Amino acid sequence: MSQSLSKLYVHIIFHIQWNGTPIQPEHANELYAYMGSVIGSHQCLPIQIGGMADHVHVLCTLSKNVALAKLVEDVKRHGSRWIKGKSPYYRNFAWQGGYSAFSVSASVVDKTRSYIRNQPAHHRKRSYQEELTLFLEEYDIRYEEKYLFEGGEG
């Protein structure tokens, strides 16, 4: 084959530093839109971005020309700089060092979009910790809980 072709969907989740500055509702959609522009600058397609005051979900395609770790690093770095410029309230804003990422089949992209759009409803039933643990177990990812939910590293 003389060309490289791919369409990889990925669901990325990352959290603010524990005891950090929550994202205010009035800034959330602007932040998500800005993150979408960063994703687009990497030849990736943002499909749905949303979350809660303490964490963000991103559903996007992953370009064959960028490493997942580089994409997440840039989204978090640029998103943090952007939000710090919105208000002095965010002067201590920071993301956790880590992230989680899950492959998404084309057959469940719409379901994943809906899941991200409906975060407030999901979190009336379960915490972020429960949500992430369920994802990790569903994808059979080994983890140590002490590193997921303490000390600002995720």
Protein backbone atom coordinates (compact mmCIF):
# COMPACT_ATOMS: atom_id res chain seq x y z
CA MET A 1 0.00 0.00 0.00
CA SER A 2 1.46 3.34 -0.98
CA GLN A 3 -0.47 5.44 1.53
CA SER A 4 -1.16 5.31 5.25
CA LEU A 5 -4.83 5.41 6.17
CA SER A 6 -6.42 5.37 9.61
CA LYS A 7 -9.43 6.43 11.60
CA LEU A 8 -8.85 5.96 15.30
CA TYR A 9 -11.38 7.20 17.83
CA VAL A 10 -10.16 7.86 21.34
CA HIS A 11 -11.95 8.85 24.56
CA ILE A 12 -9.60 10.81 26.83
CA ILE A 13 -10.32 11.70 30.46
CA PHE A 14 -8.25 13.92 32.74
CA HIS A 15 -8.80 15.61 36.08
CA ILE A 16 -7.77 18.85 37.74
CA GLN A 17 -5.28 18.54 40.56
CA TRP A 18 -6.99 17.24 43.67
CA ASN A 19 -7.95 20.18 45.87
CA GLY A 20 -7.38 22.34 42.80
CA THR A 21 -9.37 25.17 41.30
CA PRO A 22 -12.64 23.88 39.78
CA ILE A 23 -13.71 24.96 36.30
CA GLN A 24 -16.53 27.49 36.63
CA PRO A 25 -19.67 26.74 34.56
CA GLU A 26 -19.47 30.10 32.79
CA HIS A 27 -16.03 29.21 31.41
CA ALA A 28 -16.52 25.52 30.63
CA ASN A 29 -17.88 25.73 27.07
CA GLU A 30 -15.26 28.29 26.04
CA LEU A 31 -12.55 26.05 27.49
CA TYR A 32 -13.91 23.03 25.60
CA ALA A 33 -14.02 25.03 22.36
CA TYR A 34 -10.43 26.17 22.90
CA MET A 35 -9.35 22.57 23.57
CA GLY A 36 -11.09 21.59 20.34
CA SER A 37 -8.98 24.11 18.43
CA VAL A 38 -5.80 22.66 19.97
CA ILE A 39 -6.94 19.17 18.97
CA GLY A 40 -7.63 20.39 15.43
CA SER A 41 -4.16 21.94 15.20
CA HIS A 42 -2.78 18.39 15.54
CA GLN A 43 -4.74 17.12 12.52
CA CYS A 44 -7.17 15.39 14.90
CA LEU A 45 -10.93 15.91 14.79
CA PRO A 46 -12.64 16.94 18.02
CA ILE A 47 -16.02 15.17 18.16
CA GLN A 48 -17.29 15.92 21.68
CA ILE A 49 -15.69 17.67 24.64
CA GLY A 50 -17.39 18.09 27.99
CA GLY A 51 -17.16 17.26 31.62
CA MET A 52 -17.66 18.58 35.09
CA ALA A 53 -15.98 21.22 37.25
CA ASP A 54 -13.21 18.79 38.17
CA HIS A 55 -12.60 16.76 34.99
CA VAL A 56 -12.84 16.73 31.21
CA HIS A 57 -13.83 14.09 28.65
CA VAL A 58 -12.61 14.37 25.06
CA LEU A 59 -13.80 12.23 22.18
CA CYS A 60 -11.72 12.79 19.07
CA THR A 61 -10.06 11.08 16.18
CA LEU A 62 -6.34 10.55 16.56
CA SER A 63 -4.23 11.55 13.58
CA LYS A 64 -1.70 9.04 12.33
CA ASN A 65 0.82 11.89 12.62
CA VAL A 66 0.64 12.54 16.37
CA ALA A 67 1.30 10.49 19.48
CA LEU A 68 -1.55 10.33 21.98
CA ALA A 69 0.72 11.50 24.82
CA LYS A 70 1.77 14.58 22.82
CA LEU A 71 -1.85 15.44 21.98
CA VAL A 72 -2.98 15.20 25.60
CA GLU A 73 0.07 17.13 26.84
CA ASP A 74 -0.66 19.99 24.44
CA VAL A 75 -4.41 20.07 25.15
CA LYS A 76 -3.75 20.25 28.88
CA ARG A 77 -0.88 22.75 28.62
CA HIS A 78 -2.67 25.14 26.29
CA GLY A 79 -5.99 24.70 28.11
CA SER A 80 -4.36 25.55 31.42
CA ARG A 81 -2.71 28.67 30.00
CA TRP A 82 -5.98 29.75 28.40
CA ILE A 83 -8.09 29.38 31.53
CA LYS A 84 -5.50 31.15 33.71
CA GLY A 85 -5.95 34.16 31.42
CA LYS A 86 -9.72 34.24 32.00
CA SER A 87 -9.67 35.34 35.63
CA PRO A 88 -7.41 35.71 38.68
CA TYR A 89 -9.62 32.97 40.19
CA TYR A 90 -7.65 30.45 38.10
CA ARG A 91 -4.13 31.56 39.07
CA ASN A 92 -3.51 28.20 40.82
CA PHE A 93 -5.34 26.09 38.23
CA ALA A 94 -3.56 22.89 37.18
CA TRP A 95 -4.37 19.49 35.71
CA GLN A 96 -3.22 16.24 37.23
CA GLY A 97 -0.09 14.86 35.63
CA GLY A 98 -1.76 11.82 34.11
CA TYR A 99 -4.73 10.93 31.95
CA SER A 100 -6.76 7.94 30.83
CA ALA A 101 -7.46 7.10 27.21
CA PHE A 102 -9.69 4.44 25.72
CA SER A 103 -10.20 3.27 22.15
CA VAL A 104 -13.73 3.70 20.86
CA SER A 105 -15.26 1.57 18.13
CA ALA A 106 -16.94 3.43 15.29
CA SER A 107 -20.16 1.63 16.26
CA VAL A 108 -20.29 3.36 19.66
CA VAL A 109 -19.12 6.88 18.75
CA ASP A 110 -22.67 8.26 19.05
CA LYS A 111 -23.16 6.53 22.41
CA THR A 112 -19.84 8.00 23.64
CA ARG A 113 -20.84 11.48 22.42
CA SER A 114 -24.09 11.21 24.34
CA TYR A 115 -22.25 9.99 27.43
CA ILE A 116 -19.97 13.04 27.37
CA ARG A 117 -22.86 15.46 26.71
CA ASN A 118 -24.78 14.02 29.68
CA GLN A 119 -22.02 14.21 32.30
CA PRO A 120 -24.14 16.09 34.88
CA ALA A 121 -26.77 13.33 34.80
CA HIS A 122 -24.14 10.59 35.11
CA HIS A 123 -22.52 12.28 38.07
CA ARG A 124 -25.77 12.50 39.99
CA LYS A 125 -25.46 8.70 40.20
CA ARG A 126 -21.71 8.12 40.52
CA SER A 127 -18.55 9.99 41.42
CA TYR A 128 -15.60 10.64 39.15
CA GLN A 129 -13.69 7.94 41.02
CA GLU A 130 -16.45 5.39 40.38
CA GLU A 131 -16.73 6.49 36.74
CA LEU A 132 -13.01 6.13 36.03
CA THR A 133 -12.75 2.82 37.89
CA LEU A 134 -15.59 1.41 35.79
CA PHE A 135 -13.83 2.45 32.57
CA LEU A 136 -10.55 0.92 33.72
CA GLU A 137 -12.25 -2.34 34.66
CA GLU A 138 -14.27 -2.46 31.42
CA TYR A 139 -11.05 -2.07 29.41
CA ASP A 140 -9.17 -4.50 31.68
CA ILE A 141 -6.53 -1.92 32.60
CA ARG A 142 -4.51 -2.70 35.72
CA TYR A 143 -4.08 0.18 38.13
CA GLU A 144 -3.20 1.05 41.69
CA GLU A 145 -5.95 3.13 43.22
CA LYS A 146 -3.52 5.14 45.38
CA TYR A 147 -1.99 6.57 42.19
CA LEU A 148 -5.34 7.36 40.57
CA PHE A 149 -6.88 9.50 43.25
CA GLU A 150 -4.16 11.00 45.44
CA GLY A 151 -1.28 13.40 45.28
CA GLY A 152 -2.14 15.17 42.04
CA GLU A 153 -0.90 12.33 39.81
CA GLY A 154 -3.36 10.33 37.78
